[in-house]
Amino acid sequence: MTPAEQAHLRILRIVEEAPQISQRQLAERLGVSLGKANYLLKALLDQGYIKAGNFLRAEDKLKYAYLLTPEGIGAKLRLTRNYLARKEQEYVAMQVEIEDMRAELAAQEHIG
């Protein structure tokens, strides 16, 4: 999974959870600049994974709501599966490495 795909997955999850999130809040949650958040969000809008609607808040300020499209829901599922599969592989590899290191320590302690 590329860094862009990881960012897209995070955005899709955040938007699903908080559709009225501002781009500034999204940038803060992602730990990126506002410009980077805008760039990532625009890519998802261009791909048809998210649609943006506007509505007036009580204070008469224009506000956006971001909604996942059916394509966005499918992309989120696909990205989640890929992410989970990669993390499971890393987990198994880490378990093997831990067992190898434990065996190495035990062998060294037995000698010394």
C-alpha atoms as a PDB file:
ATOM      1  CA  MET A   1       0.000   0.000   0.000  1.00  0.00           C
ATOM      2  CA  THR A   2       1.464   3.338  -1.035  1.00  0.00           C
ATOM      3  CA  PRO A   3       1.621   6.329   1.323  1.00  0.00           C
ATOM      4  CA  ALA A   4      -1.078   8.009  -0.792  1.00  0.00           C
ATOM      5  CA  GLU A   5      -3.339   4.965  -0.415  1.00  0.00           C
ATOM      6  CA  GLN A   6      -2.753   4.990   3.331  1.00  0.00           C
ATOM      7  CA  ALA A   7      -3.701   8.673   3.452  1.00  0.00           C
ATOM      8  CA  HIS A   8      -6.773   8.024   1.300  1.00  0.00           C
ATOM      9  CA  LEU A   9      -7.885   5.228   3.613  1.00  0.00           C
ATOM     10  CA  ARG A  10      -7.472   7.483   6.638  1.00  0.00           C
ATOM     11  CA  ILE A  11      -9.487  10.249   4.944  1.00  0.00           C
ATOM     12  CA  LEU A  12     -12.252   7.852   3.905  1.00  0.00           C
ATOM     13  CA  ARG A  13     -12.485   6.576   7.481  1.00  0.00           C
ATOM     14  CA  ILE A  14     -12.479  10.079   8.960  1.00  0.00           C
ATOM     15  CA  VAL A  15     -15.084  11.389   6.503  1.00  0.00           C
ATOM     16  CA  GLU A  16     -17.331   8.416   7.180  1.00  0.00           C
ATOM     17  CA  GLU A  17     -17.060   9.108  10.907  1.00  0.00           C
ATOM     18  CA  ALA A  18     -17.297  12.929  10.710  1.00  0.00           C
ATOM     19  CA  PRO A  19     -18.831  14.107   7.413  1.00  0.00           C
ATOM     20  CA  GLN A  20     -18.942  17.754   8.503  1.00  0.00           C
ATOM     21  CA  ILE A  21     -15.220  17.925   9.268  1.00  0.00           C
ATOM     22  CA  SER A  22     -13.459  21.012   7.951  1.00  0.00           C
ATOM     23  CA  GLN A  23     -10.358  20.728   5.810  1.00  0.00           C
ATOM     24  CA  ARG A  24      -8.379  22.377   8.599  1.00  0.00           C
ATOM     25  CA  GLN A  25      -9.607  19.773  11.105  1.00  0.00           C
ATOM     26  CA  LEU A  26      -8.892  17.014   8.595  1.00  0.00           C
ATOM     27  CA  ALA A  27      -5.344  18.326   8.140  1.00  0.00           C
ATOM     28  CA  GLU A  28      -4.842  18.338  11.911  1.00  0.00           C
ATOM     29  CA  ARG A  29      -6.103  14.753  12.259  1.00  0.00           C
ATOM     30  CA  LEU A  30      -3.876  13.610   9.412  1.00  0.00           C
ATOM     31  CA  GLY A  31      -0.867  15.542  10.687  1.00  0.00           C
ATOM     32  CA  VAL A  32      -0.359  17.279   7.336  1.00  0.00           C
ATOM     33  CA  SER A  33      -0.577  20.833   6.035  1.00  0.00           C
ATOM     34  CA  LEU A  34      -3.890  22.309   4.962  1.00  0.00           C
ATOM     35  CA  GLY A  35      -2.666  22.340   1.356  1.00  0.00           C
ATOM     36  CA  LYS A  36      -1.760  18.635   1.511  1.00  0.00           C
ATOM     37  CA  ALA A  37      -5.163  17.787   3.023  1.00  0.00           C
ATOM     38  CA  ASN A  38      -6.850  19.760   0.238  1.00  0.00           C
ATOM     39  CA  TYR A  39      -4.763  17.920  -2.379  1.00  0.00           C
ATOM     40  CA  LEU A  40      -5.608  14.483  -0.931  1.00  0.00           C
ATOM     41  CA  LEU A  41      -9.282  15.339  -0.556  1.00  0.00           C
ATOM     42  CA  LYS A  42      -9.461  16.675  -4.113  1.00  0.00           C
ATOM     43  CA  ALA A  43      -7.981  13.412  -5.416  1.00  0.00           C
ATOM     44  CA  LEU A  44     -10.769  11.476  -3.673  1.00  0.00           C
ATOM     45  CA  LEU A  45     -13.375  13.889  -5.022  1.00  0.00           C
ATOM     46  CA  ASP A  46     -11.944  13.534  -8.552  1.00  0.00           C
ATOM     47  CA  GLN A  47     -12.028   9.728  -8.268  1.00  0.00           C
ATOM     48  CA  GLY A  48     -15.679   9.896  -7.243  1.00  0.00           C
ATOM     49  CA  TYR A  49     -15.036   8.335  -3.817  1.00  0.00           C
ATOM     50  CA  ILE A  50     -16.321  11.368  -1.925  1.00  0.00           C
ATOM     51  CA  LYS A  51     -18.866  13.984  -2.820  1.00  0.00           C
ATOM     52  CA  ALA A  52     -19.019  17.385  -1.207  1.00  0.00           C
ATOM     53  CA  GLY A  53     -22.262  19.146  -0.472  1.00  0.00           C
ATOM     54  CA  ASN A  54     -22.683  22.534   1.052  1.00  0.00           C
ATOM     55  CA  PHE A  55     -25.265  23.852   3.431  1.00  0.00           C
ATOM     56  CA  LEU A  56     -25.722  26.947   5.526  1.00  0.00           C
ATOM     57  CA  ARG A  57     -24.948  26.780   9.196  1.00  0.00           C
ATOM     58  CA  ALA A  58     -26.959  28.722  11.747  1.00  0.00           C
ATOM     59  CA  GLU A  59     -24.424  31.569  11.604  1.00  0.00           C
ATOM     60  CA  ASP A  60     -24.988  31.807   7.817  1.00  0.00           C
ATOM     61  CA  LYS A  61     -21.510  30.533   7.039  1.00  0.00           C
ATOM     62  CA  LEU A  62     -21.013  28.167   4.142  1.00  0.00           C
ATOM     63  CA  LYS A  63     -19.987  24.728   5.396  1.00  0.00           C
ATOM     64  CA  TYR A  64     -19.231  21.485   3.580  1.00  0.00           C
ATOM     65  CA  ALA A  65     -20.284  17.958   4.328  1.00  0.00           C
ATOM     66  CA  TYR A  66     -18.276  15.161   2.747  1.00  0.00           C
ATOM     67  CA  LEU A  67     -20.082  11.939   1.983  1.00  0.00           C
ATOM     68  CA  LEU A  68     -18.716   8.625   0.796  1.00  0.00           C
ATOM     69  CA  THR A  69     -20.146   7.522  -2.522  1.00  0.00           C
ATOM     70  CA  PRO A  70     -20.841   3.838  -3.243  1.00  0.00           C
ATOM     71  CA  GLU A  71     -17.482   3.817  -5.068  1.00  0.00           C
ATOM     72  CA  GLY A  72     -15.882   5.372  -1.994  1.00  0.00           C
ATOM     73  CA  ILE A  73     -17.337   2.693   0.257  1.00  0.00           C
ATOM     74  CA  GLY A  74     -15.950   0.040  -2.088  1.00  0.00           C
ATOM     75  CA  ALA A  75     -12.548   1.743  -2.171  1.00  0.00           C
ATOM     76  CA  LYS A  76     -12.521   1.971   1.622  1.00  0.00           C
ATOM     77  CA  LEU A  77     -13.243  -1.757   1.891  1.00  0.00           C
ATOM     78  CA  ARG A  78     -10.553  -2.629  -0.657  1.00  0.00           C
ATOM     79  CA  LEU A  79      -7.958  -0.388   0.989  1.00  0.00           C
ATOM     80  CA  THR A  80      -8.868  -1.728   4.427  1.00  0.00           C
ATOM     81  CA  ARG A  81      -8.446  -5.327   3.240  1.00  0.00           C
ATOM     82  CA  ASN A  82      -5.047  -4.505   1.696  1.00  0.00           C
ATOM     83  CA  TYR A  83      -3.907  -2.634   4.800  1.00  0.00           C
ATOM     84  CA  LEU A  84      -5.033  -5.423   7.110  1.00  0.00           C
ATOM     85  CA  ALA A  85      -3.347  -8.110   4.994  1.00  0.00           C
ATOM     86  CA  ARG A  86      -0.081  -6.165   5.043  1.00  0.00           C
ATOM     87  CA  LYS A  87      -0.252  -5.618   8.808  1.00  0.00           C
ATOM     88  CA  GLU A  88      -1.003  -9.307   9.382  1.00  0.00           C
ATOM     89  CA  GLN A  89       2.073 -10.239   7.322  1.00  0.00           C
ATOM     90  CA  GLU A  90       4.166  -7.792   9.352  1.00  0.00           C
ATOM     91  CA  TYR A  91       2.766  -9.293  12.563  1.00  0.00           C
ATOM     92  CA  VAL A  92       3.716 -12.841  11.540  1.00  0.00           C
ATOM     93  CA  ALA A  93       7.195 -11.691  10.470  1.00  0.00           C
ATOM     94  CA  MET A  94       7.613  -9.886  13.800  1.00  0.00           C
ATOM     95  CA  GLN A  95       6.602 -13.020  15.723  1.00  0.00           C
ATOM     96  CA  VAL A  96       9.227 -15.061  13.841  1.00  0.00           C
ATOM     97  CA  GLU A  97      11.875 -12.419  14.520  1.00  0.00           C
ATOM     98  CA  ILE A  98      10.994 -12.350  18.232  1.00  0.00           C
ATOM     99  CA  GLU A  99      11.200 -16.130  18.505  1.00  0.00           C
ATOM    100  CA  ASP A 100      14.552 -16.121  16.689  1.00  0.00           C
ATOM    101  CA  MET A 101      15.907 -13.469  19.048  1.00  0.00           C
ATOM    102  CA  ARG A 102      14.641 -15.361  22.110  1.00  0.00           C
ATOM    103  CA  ALA A 103      16.344 -18.527  20.882  1.00  0.00           C
ATOM    104  CA  GLU A 104      19.551 -16.602  20.237  1.00  0.00           C
ATOM    105  CA  LEU A 105      19.457 -15.095  23.735  1.00  0.00           C
ATOM    106  CA  ALA A 106      18.777 -18.466  25.327  1.00  0.00           C
ATOM    107  CA  ALA A 107      21.696 -20.006  23.428  1.00  0.00           C
ATOM    108  CA  GLN A 108      24.030 -17.181  24.423  1.00  0.00           C
ATOM    109  CA  GLU A 109      22.935 -17.316  28.074  1.00  0.00           C
ATOM    110  CA  HIS A 110      23.496 -21.076  28.119  1.00  0.00           C
ATOM    111  CA  ILE A 111      27.049 -20.626  26.810  1.00  0.00           C
ATOM    112  CA  GLY A 112      27.916 -17.673  29.050  1.00  0.00           C
END
